[in-house]
Amino acid sequence: MSSDRKQTQLRLAPDILAAGKDAAAARGLDFTKYIERLIAEDTTGARAAGMAAAQHLIDNHGDFLADLEADLDAQHAPTPRNRGAAA
């Protein structure tokens, strides 16, 4: 069976390789598919479009998101212990 795929070699620092493999696993991809996706997103403009959409969301709804985050942080903050209460 013939393939039109070409093989290449990458030389990565061990920590970068580990981070890439972890990112691939988190997305349910093998490392090769993860690299393919990164290249495709970068060269097709998909990543730029996603970043622009995210910035648009922040620009238009940033205050709401900040308030929501603060409310959630307050709801989940550890409660101070009452120093006068018996344990």
C-alpha atoms as a PDB file:
ATOM      1  CA  MET A   1       0.000   0.000   0.000  1.00  0.00           C
ATOM      2  CA  SER A   2       1.497   3.330  -1.070  1.00  0.00           C
ATOM      3  CA  SER A   3       1.214   6.533   0.892  1.00  0.00           C
ATOM      4  CA  ASP A   4       1.667  10.116  -0.213  1.00  0.00           C
ATOM      5  CA  ARG A   5       2.811  11.016   3.288  1.00  0.00           C
ATOM      6  CA  LYS A   6       6.408  12.045   3.850  1.00  0.00           C
ATOM      7  CA  GLN A   7       8.428  11.320   6.942  1.00  0.00           C
ATOM      8  CA  THR A   8      10.475  13.978   8.692  1.00  0.00           C
ATOM      9  CA  GLN A   9      12.504  14.256  11.846  1.00  0.00           C
ATOM     10  CA  LEU A  10      12.071  16.771  14.628  1.00  0.00           C
ATOM     11  CA  ARG A  11      14.642  17.553  17.265  1.00  0.00           C
ATOM     12  CA  LEU A  12      12.921  18.911  20.331  1.00  0.00           C
ATOM     13  CA  ALA A  13      14.100  19.661  23.834  1.00  0.00           C
ATOM     14  CA  PRO A  14      12.856  16.934  26.199  1.00  0.00           C
ATOM     15  CA  ASP A  15      10.514  19.275  28.068  1.00  0.00           C
ATOM     16  CA  ILE A  16       8.970  20.539  24.814  1.00  0.00           C
ATOM     17  CA  LEU A  17       8.492  16.988  23.547  1.00  0.00           C
ATOM     18  CA  ALA A  18       6.857  15.955  26.835  1.00  0.00           C
ATOM     19  CA  ALA A  19       4.559  19.002  26.756  1.00  0.00           C
ATOM     20  CA  GLY A  20       3.590  18.215  23.161  1.00  0.00           C
ATOM     21  CA  LYS A  21       2.844  14.586  23.962  1.00  0.00           C
ATOM     22  CA  ASP A  22       0.768  15.644  26.982  1.00  0.00           C
ATOM     23  CA  ALA A  23      -1.162  18.167  24.863  1.00  0.00           C
ATOM     24  CA  ALA A  24      -1.776  15.535  22.194  1.00  0.00           C
ATOM     25  CA  ALA A  25      -3.016  13.022  24.776  1.00  0.00           C
ATOM     26  CA  ALA A  26      -5.314  15.637  26.330  1.00  0.00           C
ATOM     27  CA  ARG A  27      -6.916  16.080  22.907  1.00  0.00           C
ATOM     28  CA  GLY A  28      -7.127  12.340  22.257  1.00  0.00           C
ATOM     29  CA  LEU A  29      -4.581  12.523  19.430  1.00  0.00           C
ATOM     30  CA  ASP A  30      -1.316  10.788  18.811  1.00  0.00           C
ATOM     31  CA  PHE A  31       1.685  13.118  18.632  1.00  0.00           C
ATOM     32  CA  THR A  32       1.892  13.032  14.812  1.00  0.00           C
ATOM     33  CA  LYS A  33      -1.782  13.998  14.402  1.00  0.00           C
ATOM     34  CA  TYR A  34      -1.312  16.754  16.969  1.00  0.00           C
ATOM     35  CA  ILE A  35       1.610  18.230  15.019  1.00  0.00           C
ATOM     36  CA  GLU A  36      -0.387  17.945  11.773  1.00  0.00           C
ATOM     37  CA  ARG A  37      -3.262  19.819  13.383  1.00  0.00           C
ATOM     38  CA  LEU A  38      -0.986  22.576  14.692  1.00  0.00           C
ATOM     39  CA  ILE A  39       0.539  23.073  11.255  1.00  0.00           C
ATOM     40  CA  ALA A  40      -2.850  23.045   9.519  1.00  0.00           C
ATOM     41  CA  GLU A  41      -4.348  25.514  11.988  1.00  0.00           C
ATOM     42  CA  ASP A  42      -1.359  27.802  11.641  1.00  0.00           C
ATOM     43  CA  THR A  43      -1.152  27.734   7.852  1.00  0.00           C
ATOM     44  CA  THR A  44      -4.876  27.855   7.016  1.00  0.00           C
ATOM     45  CA  GLY A  45      -5.689  30.778   9.251  1.00  0.00           C
ATOM     46  CA  ALA A  46      -7.927  28.684  11.523  1.00  0.00           C
ATOM     47  CA  ARG A  47      -5.859  29.521  14.591  1.00  0.00           C
ATOM     48  CA  ALA A  48      -5.852  33.230  13.766  1.00  0.00           C
ATOM     49  CA  ALA A  49      -9.613  33.174  13.262  1.00  0.00           C
ATOM     50  CA  GLY A  50     -10.104  31.434  16.592  1.00  0.00           C
ATOM     51  CA  MET A  51      -7.877  33.933  18.363  1.00  0.00           C
ATOM     52  CA  ALA A  52      -9.732  36.836  16.734  1.00  0.00           C
ATOM     53  CA  ALA A  53     -13.069  35.370  17.834  1.00  0.00           C
ATOM     54  CA  ALA A  54     -11.780  34.935  21.382  1.00  0.00           C
ATOM     55  CA  GLN A  55     -10.532  38.534  21.443  1.00  0.00           C
ATOM     56  CA  HIS A  56     -13.891  39.755  20.133  1.00  0.00           C
ATOM     57  CA  LEU A  57     -15.655  37.873  22.942  1.00  0.00           C
ATOM     58  CA  ILE A  58     -13.331  39.377  25.548  1.00  0.00           C
ATOM     59  CA  ASP A  59     -13.678  42.874  24.089  1.00  0.00           C
ATOM     60  CA  ASN A  60     -17.482  42.710  24.096  1.00  0.00           C
ATOM     61  CA  HIS A  61     -18.143  40.667  27.228  1.00  0.00           C
ATOM     62  CA  GLY A  62     -14.956  40.984  29.291  1.00  0.00           C
ATOM     63  CA  ASP A  63     -16.595  42.860  32.166  1.00  0.00           C
ATOM     64  CA  PHE A  64     -19.343  40.242  32.449  1.00  0.00           C
ATOM     65  CA  LEU A  65     -16.785  37.420  32.360  1.00  0.00           C
ATOM     66  CA  ALA A  66     -14.626  39.132  35.005  1.00  0.00           C
ATOM     67  CA  ASP A  67     -17.665  39.603  37.269  1.00  0.00           C
ATOM     68  CA  LEU A  68     -18.694  35.984  36.746  1.00  0.00           C
ATOM     69  CA  GLU A  69     -15.188  34.788  37.584  1.00  0.00           C
ATOM     70  CA  ALA A  70     -15.121  36.917  40.739  1.00  0.00           C
ATOM     71  CA  ASP A  71     -18.516  35.546  41.825  1.00  0.00           C
ATOM     72  CA  LEU A  72     -17.378  31.962  41.255  1.00  0.00           C
ATOM     73  CA  ASP A  73     -14.119  32.606  43.111  1.00  0.00           C
ATOM     74  CA  ALA A  74     -16.063  34.049  46.048  1.00  0.00           C
ATOM     75  CA  GLN A  75     -18.420  31.050  46.121  1.00  0.00           C
ATOM     76  CA  HIS A  76     -15.549  28.595  46.223  1.00  0.00           C
ATOM     77  CA  ALA A  77     -13.173  30.499  48.485  1.00  0.00           C
ATOM     78  CA  PRO A  78     -12.131  28.709  51.671  1.00  0.00           C
ATOM     79  CA  THR A  79     -14.099  29.898  54.648  1.00  0.00           C
ATOM     80  CA  PRO A  80     -12.082  31.465  57.469  1.00  0.00           C
ATOM     81  CA  ARG A  81     -11.979  29.389  60.631  1.00  0.00           C
ATOM     82  CA  ASN A  82     -13.599  30.744  63.724  1.00  0.00           C
ATOM     83  CA  ARG A  83     -10.695  31.069  66.177  1.00  0.00           C
ATOM     84  CA  GLY A  84     -12.969  31.190  69.212  1.00  0.00           C
ATOM     85  CA  ALA A  85     -14.883  27.989  68.418  1.00  0.00           C
ATOM     86  CA  ALA A  86     -13.985  24.692  70.008  1.00  0.00           C
ATOM     87  CA  ALA A  87     -12.926  21.940  67.647  1.00  0.00           C
END
